Protein backbone atom coordinates (compact mmCIF):
# COMPACT_ATOMS: atom_id res chain seq x y z
CA MET A 1 177.52 -260.02 63.91
CA SER A 2 178.29 -257.18 61.47
CA TRP A 3 176.92 -254.66 63.99
CA ILE A 4 179.80 -255.49 66.34
CA ALA A 5 182.31 -254.25 63.75
CA ILE A 6 180.29 -251.08 63.17
CA GLY A 7 180.04 -250.46 66.92
CA ALA A 8 183.77 -251.04 67.37
CA LEU A 9 184.54 -248.62 64.54
CA ALA A 10 182.20 -246.01 66.09
CA LEU A 11 183.86 -246.41 69.49
CA ILE A 12 187.32 -246.01 67.97
CA GLY A 13 186.16 -243.04 65.87
CA VAL A 14 184.83 -241.26 68.94
CA GLY A 15 187.35 -242.57 71.47
CA ILE A 16 190.56 -241.53 69.72
CA PRO A 17 189.69 -237.79 69.39
CA ILE A 18 188.41 -237.68 72.99
CA ALA A 19 191.57 -239.41 74.25
CA MET A 20 193.75 -236.99 72.27
CA MET A 21 191.94 -233.98 73.78
CA VAL A 22 192.25 -235.37 77.31
CA VAL A 23 195.96 -236.12 76.90
CA SER A 24 196.66 -232.68 75.42
CA ALA A 25 194.72 -230.98 78.24
CA LEU A 26 196.81 -232.86 80.81
CA LEU A 27 200.20 -232.27 79.16
CA ARG A 28 199.99 -228.70 77.86
CA PRO A 29 201.29 -225.81 79.94
CA SER A 30 198.70 -223.41 81.32
CA VAL A 31 199.67 -219.77 80.89
CA PRO A 32 196.56 -217.63 81.43
CA GLU A 33 196.77 -214.21 79.78
CA GLN A 34 194.25 -211.49 79.13
CA GLY A 35 194.93 -211.60 75.38
CA LYS A 36 193.95 -215.27 75.14
CA SER A 37 190.44 -214.62 76.39
CA ALA A 38 189.87 -211.52 74.22
CA THR A 39 187.62 -211.66 71.18
CA TYR A 40 189.57 -211.95 67.93
CA GLU A 41 188.36 -209.56 65.21
CA SER A 42 190.70 -210.36 62.30
CA GLY A 43 193.53 -208.38 63.83
CA GLU A 44 191.37 -205.37 64.68
CA ILE A 45 190.70 -204.17 68.18
CA PRO A 46 187.05 -205.00 68.93
CA THR A 47 184.83 -202.03 69.74
CA GLY A 48 181.49 -202.38 71.47
CA THR A 49 179.42 -205.52 71.59
CA ALA A 50 178.19 -207.61 68.70
CA ARG A 51 174.61 -206.53 69.35
CA SER A 52 175.40 -202.82 69.12
CA PHE A 53 177.00 -203.12 65.67
CA LYS A 54 174.72 -202.90 62.65
CA PHE A 55 175.66 -205.25 59.82
CA ASN A 56 175.12 -204.30 56.20
CA ILE A 57 172.30 -206.43 54.77
CA GLN A 58 174.16 -206.45 51.46
CA TYR A 59 176.45 -209.24 52.70
CA TYR A 60 173.44 -211.50 53.14
CA MET A 61 171.91 -210.53 49.79
CA VAL A 62 175.13 -211.39 47.95
CA ALA A 63 175.37 -214.69 49.85
CA LEU A 64 171.78 -215.54 48.97
CA LEU A 65 172.34 -214.76 45.29
CA PHE A 66 175.50 -216.85 45.36
CA VAL A 67 173.61 -219.83 46.80
CA VAL A 68 170.86 -219.53 44.17
CA PHE A 69 173.28 -219.42 41.26
CA ASP A 70 175.55 -222.04 42.79
CA ILE A 71 172.59 -224.42 42.94
CA GLU A 72 171.82 -223.50 39.34
CA THR A 73 175.32 -224.63 38.34
CA VAL A 74 174.86 -227.89 40.23
CA LEU A 75 171.64 -228.55 38.31
CA VAL A 76 172.83 -227.39 34.88
CA PHE A 77 176.09 -229.37 34.80
CA PRO A 78 174.59 -232.89 34.91
CA TRP A 79 171.97 -231.81 32.37
CA ALA A 80 174.74 -230.63 30.03
CA VAL A 81 176.54 -233.95 30.40
CA ILE A 82 173.52 -235.99 29.27
CA TYR A 83 172.19 -233.43 26.75
CA ASN A 84 173.26 -235.30 23.58
CA ASP A 85 171.79 -238.58 24.80
CA ALA A 86 168.58 -236.82 25.86
CA VAL A 87 168.15 -235.13 22.46
CA SER A 88 168.56 -238.43 20.64
CA THR A 89 166.15 -240.16 23.03
CA VAL A 90 163.30 -237.68 23.64
CA GLY A 91 163.90 -234.97 21.05
CA LEU A 92 165.17 -231.40 21.13
CA THR A 93 162.06 -229.74 22.57
CA ARG A 94 161.63 -232.11 25.51
CA ALA A 95 165.37 -232.03 26.31
CA LEU A 96 165.91 -228.28 25.97
CA GLY A 97 162.53 -226.85 27.04
CA PRO A 98 162.63 -227.50 30.81
CA MET A 99 166.18 -226.19 31.11
CA LEU A 100 165.34 -223.04 29.16
CA LEU A 101 162.36 -222.52 31.46
CA PHE A 102 164.58 -223.02 34.52
CA ILE A 103 167.24 -220.60 33.27
CA GLY A 104 164.53 -218.12 32.25
CA ILE A 105 163.10 -218.11 35.78
CA LEU A 106 166.60 -217.52 37.16
CA VAL A 107 167.18 -214.66 34.71
CA ILE A 108 163.88 -213.07 35.76
CA GLY A 109 165.00 -213.40 39.40
CA LEU A 110 168.37 -211.82 38.61
CA VAL A 111 166.73 -208.92 36.76
CA TRP A 112 164.37 -208.39 39.70
CA ALA A 113 167.30 -208.43 42.16
CA TRP A 114 169.27 -206.06 39.95
CA ARG A 115 166.38 -203.58 39.64
CA ASN A 116 165.79 -203.64 43.40
CA GLY A 117 169.46 -202.91 44.09
CA ALA A 118 170.38 -206.28 45.58
CA VAL A 119 173.59 -206.52 43.54
CA GLU A 120 174.71 -202.92 44.07
CA TRP A 121 177.43 -203.07 46.69
CA ILE A 122 177.55 -199.35 47.45
CA LYS A 123 175.67 -196.40 46.17
CA SER A 124 178.26 -193.86 45.05
CA PRO A 125 177.42 -190.15 44.97
CA ARG A 126 178.51 -190.00 41.31
CA ALA A 127 176.08 -192.74 40.30
CA THR A 128 173.28 -191.03 42.21
CA ARG A 129 174.02 -187.70 40.46
CA ARG A 130 174.04 -189.37 37.03
CA LYS A 131 170.76 -191.10 37.74
CA THR A 132 169.07 -187.85 38.82
CA GLN A 133 170.55 -186.02 35.80
CA LYS A 134 169.12 -188.65 33.42
CA GLN A 135 165.71 -188.40 35.09
CA ASP A 136 165.74 -184.59 34.86
CA ALA A 137 166.67 -184.60 31.15
């Protein structure tokens, strides 16, 4: 008997948006223009096709690092909330050790990413000159 209520709710949840789209498609004016079918590029005039444009891999590296450290925050926050109770229950070493290991692994990953240039947005000519000057000295 409870499945009838769930089914009715599902039908209403799907039916109302579909009915709204159908009604709006029937009532709205149709004014076809070339500008409406053009690709929108944040106010810029699009040039070429999407396949011919090379994207900078740095965007993806920054996004990946953000996801890793965002997940770290999600895992560290609940641990920090229960830290006092955990120390009184299992002791300092068992409460703090796994989190220090976790943060240590993340720091090693950040250092590796930093040394491989994953967090360098652009390589400026001045920074390149300074680096070669330090290596020559």
